[in-house]
Amino acid sequence: MAAKNELLPGTLDMLVLRVLARGELHGWGITQKLEQLSQSALQVDEGSLYPSLYRMEGKGWIEAEWRMTENNRRAKYYALTRAGRKQLEKEQQLWDRMSAAIALVMQNA
């Protein structure tokens, strides 16, 4: 059974793509936004986030650029690409179908 703050397998990429659809962010900003939007129910550690970001960058779903933060520190900012938007749509549709199917089983079993 997943711990309270543990993501369901296969959902991290979808959630990161969704957050980046709102605008570009650096890695720490992505983790903070996920925590904020989930009202602290989801917490993503760096050991999960960065492999996901590298994988999505390799697939062309996101692009990265080194820049200075508001605190004058160098950070890699990530932005959604057109291919990433298409992937997000696919992931959202799959999530909607799966969550509806699970809800049916839970209500009718």
N, C-alpha and C. Protein backbone atom coordinates (compact mmCIF):
# COMPACT_ATOMS: atom_id res chain seq x y z
N MET A 1 0.85 -1.19 0.00
CA MET A 1 0.00 0.00 0.00
C MET A 1 0.88 1.24 0.00
N ALA A 2 0.52 2.24 -0.79
CA ALA A 2 1.30 3.47 -0.89
C ALA A 2 1.17 4.28 0.39
N ALA A 3 2.28 4.89 0.78
CA ALA A 3 2.26 5.78 1.93
C ALA A 3 1.47 7.03 1.57
N LYS A 4 1.13 7.83 2.58
CA LYS A 4 0.28 9.01 2.38
C LYS A 4 0.79 9.91 1.27
N ASN A 5 2.08 10.20 1.24
CA ASN A 5 2.63 11.16 0.29
C ASN A 5 3.23 10.50 -0.94
N GLU A 6 3.06 9.21 -1.09
CA GLU A 6 3.67 8.49 -2.20
C GLU A 6 2.76 8.54 -3.42
N LEU A 7 3.35 8.82 -4.58
CA LEU A 7 2.59 8.89 -5.82
C LEU A 7 2.23 7.50 -6.32
N LEU A 8 1.13 7.39 -7.01
CA LEU A 8 0.80 6.14 -7.68
C LEU A 8 1.79 5.92 -8.81
N PRO A 9 2.18 4.69 -9.07
CA PRO A 9 3.13 4.43 -10.16
C PRO A 9 2.60 4.98 -11.49
N GLY A 10 3.48 5.63 -12.23
CA GLY A 10 3.13 6.15 -13.54
C GLY A 10 2.48 7.51 -13.57
N THR A 11 2.32 8.15 -12.41
CA THR A 11 1.63 9.44 -12.40
C THR A 11 2.57 10.64 -12.36
N LEU A 12 3.83 10.45 -12.02
CA LEU A 12 4.73 11.59 -11.85
C LEU A 12 4.90 12.38 -13.14
N ASP A 13 5.14 11.71 -14.26
CA ASP A 13 5.31 12.43 -15.52
C ASP A 13 4.08 13.28 -15.83
N MET A 14 2.90 12.70 -15.67
CA MET A 14 1.66 13.43 -15.95
C MET A 14 1.54 14.66 -15.06
N LEU A 15 1.84 14.52 -13.79
CA LEU A 15 1.72 15.64 -12.86
C LEU A 15 2.73 16.75 -13.18
N VAL A 16 3.94 16.36 -13.52
CA VAL A 16 4.97 17.35 -13.87
C VAL A 16 4.57 18.07 -15.15
N LEU A 17 4.10 17.33 -16.15
CA LEU A 17 3.65 17.97 -17.39
C LEU A 17 2.52 18.95 -17.11
N ARG A 18 1.61 18.57 -16.23
CA ARG A 18 0.47 19.45 -15.90
C ARG A 18 0.96 20.73 -15.23
N VAL A 19 1.89 20.61 -14.30
CA VAL A 19 2.43 21.79 -13.62
C VAL A 19 3.15 22.69 -14.63
N LEU A 20 3.93 22.08 -15.53
CA LEU A 20 4.67 22.88 -16.51
C LEU A 20 3.74 23.50 -17.56
N ALA A 21 2.53 22.97 -17.72
CA ALA A 21 1.57 23.59 -18.63
C ALA A 21 1.17 24.98 -18.13
N ARG A 22 1.36 25.23 -16.84
CA ARG A 22 1.05 26.54 -16.25
C ARG A 22 2.19 27.53 -16.43
N GLY A 23 3.38 27.03 -16.80
CA GLY A 23 4.53 27.91 -16.99
C GLY A 23 5.82 27.21 -16.59
N GLU A 24 6.93 27.73 -17.06
CA GLU A 24 8.22 27.10 -16.79
C GLU A 24 8.63 27.27 -15.33
N LEU A 25 9.34 26.26 -14.84
CA LEU A 25 9.81 26.24 -13.45
C LEU A 25 11.12 25.48 -13.38
N HIS A 26 11.88 25.72 -12.32
CA HIS A 26 13.06 24.90 -12.05
C HIS A 26 12.61 23.72 -11.19
N GLY A 27 13.50 22.75 -11.00
CA GLY A 27 13.14 21.52 -10.30
C GLY A 27 12.53 21.74 -8.93
N TRP A 28 13.17 22.57 -8.12
CA TRP A 28 12.64 22.82 -6.78
C TRP A 28 11.27 23.46 -6.87
N GLY A 29 11.09 24.36 -7.84
CA GLY A 29 9.79 25.01 -8.02
C GLY A 29 8.70 24.01 -8.39
N ILE A 30 9.07 23.00 -9.18
CA ILE A 30 8.10 21.96 -9.55
C ILE A 30 7.66 21.19 -8.31
N THR A 31 8.60 20.80 -7.46
CA THR A 31 8.23 20.06 -6.25
C THR A 31 7.36 20.91 -5.33
N GLN A 32 7.69 22.19 -5.21
CA GLN A 32 6.90 23.08 -4.36
C GLN A 32 5.49 23.27 -4.92
N LYS A 33 5.37 23.41 -6.23
CA LYS A 33 4.05 23.60 -6.86
C LYS A 33 3.19 22.35 -6.70
N LEU A 34 3.79 21.17 -6.86
CA LEU A 34 3.03 19.93 -6.66
C LEU A 34 2.54 19.82 -5.22
N GLU A 35 3.40 20.16 -4.29
CA GLU A 35 3.01 20.11 -2.88
C GLU A 35 1.90 21.12 -2.59
N GLN A 36 2.05 22.32 -3.13
CA GLN A 36 1.05 23.38 -2.92
C GLN A 36 -0.30 22.99 -3.52
N LEU A 37 -0.30 22.57 -4.79
CA LEU A 37 -1.55 22.24 -5.47
C LEU A 37 -2.26 21.05 -4.84
N SER A 38 -1.50 20.13 -4.26
CA SER A 38 -2.09 18.95 -3.62
C SER A 38 -2.39 19.18 -2.14
N GLN A 39 -2.20 20.40 -1.68
CA GLN A 39 -2.39 20.75 -0.27
C GLN A 39 -1.55 19.83 0.62
N SER A 40 -0.31 19.65 0.22
CA SER A 40 0.71 18.86 0.93
C SER A 40 0.45 17.36 0.93
N ALA A 41 -0.52 16.90 0.15
CA ALA A 41 -0.77 15.45 0.08
C ALA A 41 0.30 14.74 -0.74
N LEU A 42 0.92 15.46 -1.68
CA LEU A 42 1.96 14.88 -2.53
C LEU A 42 3.28 15.58 -2.27
N GLN A 43 4.31 14.78 -2.04
CA GLN A 43 5.66 15.31 -1.88
C GLN A 43 6.58 14.48 -2.75
N VAL A 44 7.26 15.14 -3.67
CA VAL A 44 8.14 14.46 -4.62
C VAL A 44 9.57 14.75 -4.23
N ASP A 45 10.37 13.70 -4.06
CA ASP A 45 11.77 13.92 -3.73
C ASP A 45 12.61 14.01 -5.00
N GLU A 46 13.81 14.57 -4.85
CA GLU A 46 14.70 14.78 -5.98
C GLU A 46 15.07 13.48 -6.66
N GLY A 47 15.17 12.40 -5.89
CA GLY A 47 15.53 11.11 -6.45
C GLY A 47 14.49 10.56 -7.42
N SER A 48 13.28 11.06 -7.35
CA SER A 48 12.23 10.69 -8.30
C SER A 48 12.07 11.75 -9.38
N LEU A 49 12.13 13.02 -8.98
CA LEU A 49 11.85 14.11 -9.92
C LEU A 49 12.87 14.19 -11.05
N TYR A 50 14.15 14.24 -10.71
CA TYR A 50 15.15 14.50 -11.75
C TYR A 50 15.27 13.39 -12.78
N PRO A 51 15.19 12.12 -12.41
CA PRO A 51 15.15 11.09 -13.46
C PRO A 51 13.94 11.25 -14.38
N SER A 52 12.81 11.65 -13.81
CA SER A 52 11.61 11.89 -14.61
C SER A 52 11.83 13.06 -15.57
N LEU A 53 12.43 14.14 -15.08
CA LEU A 53 12.70 15.30 -15.94
C LEU A 53 13.66 14.94 -17.07
N TYR A 54 14.71 14.21 -16.75
CA TYR A 54 15.68 13.81 -17.79
C TYR A 54 15.03 12.91 -18.83
N ARG A 55 14.19 12.00 -18.37
CA ARG A 55 13.49 11.08 -19.28
C ARG A 55 12.56 11.87 -20.21
N MET A 56 11.80 12.81 -19.65
CA MET A 56 10.87 13.59 -20.46
C MET A 56 11.61 14.54 -21.41
N GLU A 57 12.75 15.04 -20.98
CA GLU A 57 13.55 15.88 -21.86
C GLU A 57 14.06 15.04 -23.04
N GLY A 58 14.49 13.82 -22.77
CA GLY A 58 14.95 12.92 -23.81
C GLY A 58 13.86 12.56 -24.81
N LYS A 59 12.62 12.52 -24.35
CA LYS A 59 11.49 12.21 -25.23
C LYS A 59 10.99 13.45 -25.98
N GLY A 60 11.54 14.61 -25.64
CA GLY A 60 11.13 15.84 -26.31
C GLY A 60 9.86 16.46 -25.75
N TRP A 61 9.42 16.01 -24.58
CA TRP A 61 8.20 16.55 -23.97
C TRP A 61 8.45 17.85 -23.24
N ILE A 62 9.68 18.04 -22.77
CA ILE A 62 10.07 19.28 -22.10
C ILE A 62 11.42 19.71 -22.64
N GLU A 63 11.73 20.98 -22.44
CA GLU A 63 13.06 21.49 -22.77
C GLU A 63 13.58 22.23 -21.56
N ALA A 64 14.90 22.31 -21.47
CA ALA A 64 15.53 22.89 -20.28
C ALA A 64 16.51 23.97 -20.69
N GLU A 65 16.66 24.96 -19.79
CA GLU A 65 17.59 26.06 -20.02
C GLU A 65 18.14 26.52 -18.67
N TRP A 66 19.47 26.67 -18.60
CA TRP A 66 20.10 27.18 -17.38
C TRP A 66 19.89 28.69 -17.31
N ARG A 67 19.42 29.16 -16.14
CA ARG A 67 19.22 30.60 -15.91
C ARG A 67 19.45 30.91 -14.44
N MET A 68 19.44 32.18 -14.14
CA MET A 68 19.58 32.63 -12.75
C MET A 68 18.19 32.73 -12.12
N THR A 69 18.08 32.30 -10.87
CA THR A 69 16.82 32.39 -10.14
C THR A 69 16.67 33.79 -9.55
N GLU A 70 15.53 34.02 -8.93
CA GLU A 70 15.29 35.30 -8.26
C GLU A 70 16.24 35.49 -7.08
N ASN A 71 16.82 34.39 -6.58
CA ASN A 71 17.80 34.44 -5.48
C ASN A 71 19.23 34.51 -5.99
N ASN A 72 19.37 34.76 -7.29
CA ASN A 72 20.68 34.90 -7.93
C ASN A 72 21.49 33.60 -7.90
N ARG A 73 20.78 32.49 -8.03
CA ARG A 73 21.43 31.18 -8.12
C ARG A 73 21.15 30.60 -9.49
N ARG A 74 22.06 29.80 -9.96
CA ARG A 74 21.92 29.17 -11.27
C ARG A 74 21.03 27.93 -11.13
N ALA A 75 20.02 27.83 -11.99
CA ALA A 75 19.10 26.69 -11.94
C ALA A 75 18.64 26.34 -13.35
N LYS A 76 18.29 25.10 -13.52
CA LYS A 76 17.79 24.63 -14.81
C LYS A 76 16.27 24.78 -14.81
N TYR A 77 15.78 25.59 -15.74
CA TYR A 77 14.34 25.82 -15.88
C TYR A 77 13.78 24.89 -16.95
N TYR A 78 12.63 24.33 -16.67
CA TYR A 78 11.99 23.38 -17.58
C TYR A 78 10.71 23.98 -18.14
N ALA A 79 10.48 23.73 -19.43
CA ALA A 79 9.29 24.24 -20.11
C ALA A 79 8.68 23.13 -20.95
N LEU A 80 7.37 23.15 -21.07
CA LEU A 80 6.64 22.18 -21.86
C LEU A 80 6.81 22.48 -23.35
N THR A 81 6.99 21.45 -24.15
CA THR A 81 7.06 21.60 -25.60
C THR A 81 5.70 21.25 -26.21
N ARG A 82 5.58 21.44 -27.50
CA ARG A 82 4.34 21.05 -28.19
C ARG A 82 4.09 19.55 -28.03
N ALA A 83 5.14 18.76 -28.17
CA ALA A 83 5.01 17.30 -27.98
C ALA A 83 4.59 16.99 -26.55
N GLY A 84 5.08 17.77 -25.59
CA GLY A 84 4.70 17.58 -24.20
C GLY A 84 3.24 17.89 -23.96
N ARG A 85 2.72 18.90 -24.63
CA ARG A 85 1.29 19.22 -24.50
C ARG A 85 0.43 18.07 -25.05
N LYS A 86 0.86 17.51 -26.17
CA LYS A 86 0.12 16.38 -26.74
C LYS A 86 0.17 15.18 -25.80
N GLN A 87 1.34 14.93 -25.22
CA GLN A 87 1.48 13.83 -24.28
C GLN A 87 0.61 14.05 -23.05
N LEU A 88 0.56 15.28 -22.57
CA LEU A 88 -0.27 15.60 -21.41
C LEU A 88 -1.74 15.29 -21.72
N GLU A 89 -2.19 15.64 -22.90
CA GLU A 89 -3.58 15.33 -23.29
C GLU A 89 -3.83 13.82 -23.25
N LYS A 90 -2.89 13.04 -23.79
CA LYS A 90 -3.02 11.58 -23.78
C LYS A 90 -3.06 11.05 -22.35
N GLU A 91 -2.13 11.55 -21.52
CA GLU A 91 -2.06 11.09 -20.13
C GLU A 91 -3.34 11.46 -19.37
N GLN A 92 -3.87 12.66 -19.62
CA GLN A 92 -5.10 13.10 -18.96
C GLN A 92 -6.27 12.22 -19.35
N GLN A 93 -6.38 11.89 -20.64
CA GLN A 93 -7.47 11.02 -21.11
C GLN A 93 -7.37 9.64 -20.48
N LEU A 94 -6.17 9.09 -20.44
CA LEU A 94 -5.97 7.78 -19.82
C LEU A 94 -6.32 7.82 -18.33
N TRP A 95 -5.87 8.87 -17.65
CA TRP A 95 -6.17 9.02 -16.22
C TRP A 95 -7.68 9.10 -15.99
N ASP A 96 -8.37 9.88 -16.82
CA ASP A 96 -9.82 10.03 -16.67
C ASP A 96 -10.52 8.68 -16.86
N ARG A 97 -10.11 7.91 -17.87
CA ARG A 97 -10.71 6.59 -18.10
C ARG A 97 -10.45 5.64 -16.94
N MET A 98 -9.19 5.61 -16.49
CA MET A 98 -8.83 4.68 -15.41
C MET A 98 -9.51 5.05 -14.10
N SER A 99 -9.52 6.34 -13.76
CA SER A 99 -10.14 6.73 -12.49
C SER A 99 -11.65 6.50 -12.52
N ALA A 100 -12.28 6.68 -13.68
CA ALA A 100 -13.71 6.40 -13.80
C ALA A 100 -13.97 4.90 -13.65
N ALA A 101 -13.12 4.07 -14.25
CA ALA A 101 -13.29 2.62 -14.15
C ALA A 101 -13.10 2.15 -12.71
N ILE A 102 -12.10 2.70 -12.04
CA ILE A 102 -11.86 2.33 -10.64
C ILE A 102 -13.03 2.76 -9.78
N ALA A 103 -13.56 3.95 -10.03
CA ALA A 103 -14.71 4.44 -9.26
C ALA A 103 -15.92 3.51 -9.45
N LEU A 104 -16.13 3.04 -10.67
CA LEU A 104 -17.24 2.11 -10.92
C LEU A 104 -17.09 0.83 -10.12
N VAL A 105 -15.90 0.28 -10.11
CA VAL A 105 -15.67 -0.95 -9.35
C VAL A 105 -15.89 -0.69 -7.86
N MET A 106 -15.36 0.40 -7.36
CA MET A 106 -15.48 0.70 -5.93
C MET A 106 -16.94 0.94 -5.53
N GLN A 107 -17.72 1.51 -6.40
CA GLN A 107 -19.13 1.79 -6.09
C GLN A 107 -20.02 0.57 -6.24
N ASN A 108 -19.65 -0.32 -7.15
CA ASN A 108 -20.55 -1.43 -7.50
C ASN A 108 -20.12 -2.79 -6.98
N ALA A 109 -18.98 -2.89 -6.36
CA ALA A 109 -18.52 -4.19 -5.89
C ALA A 109 -19.06 -4.50 -4.51
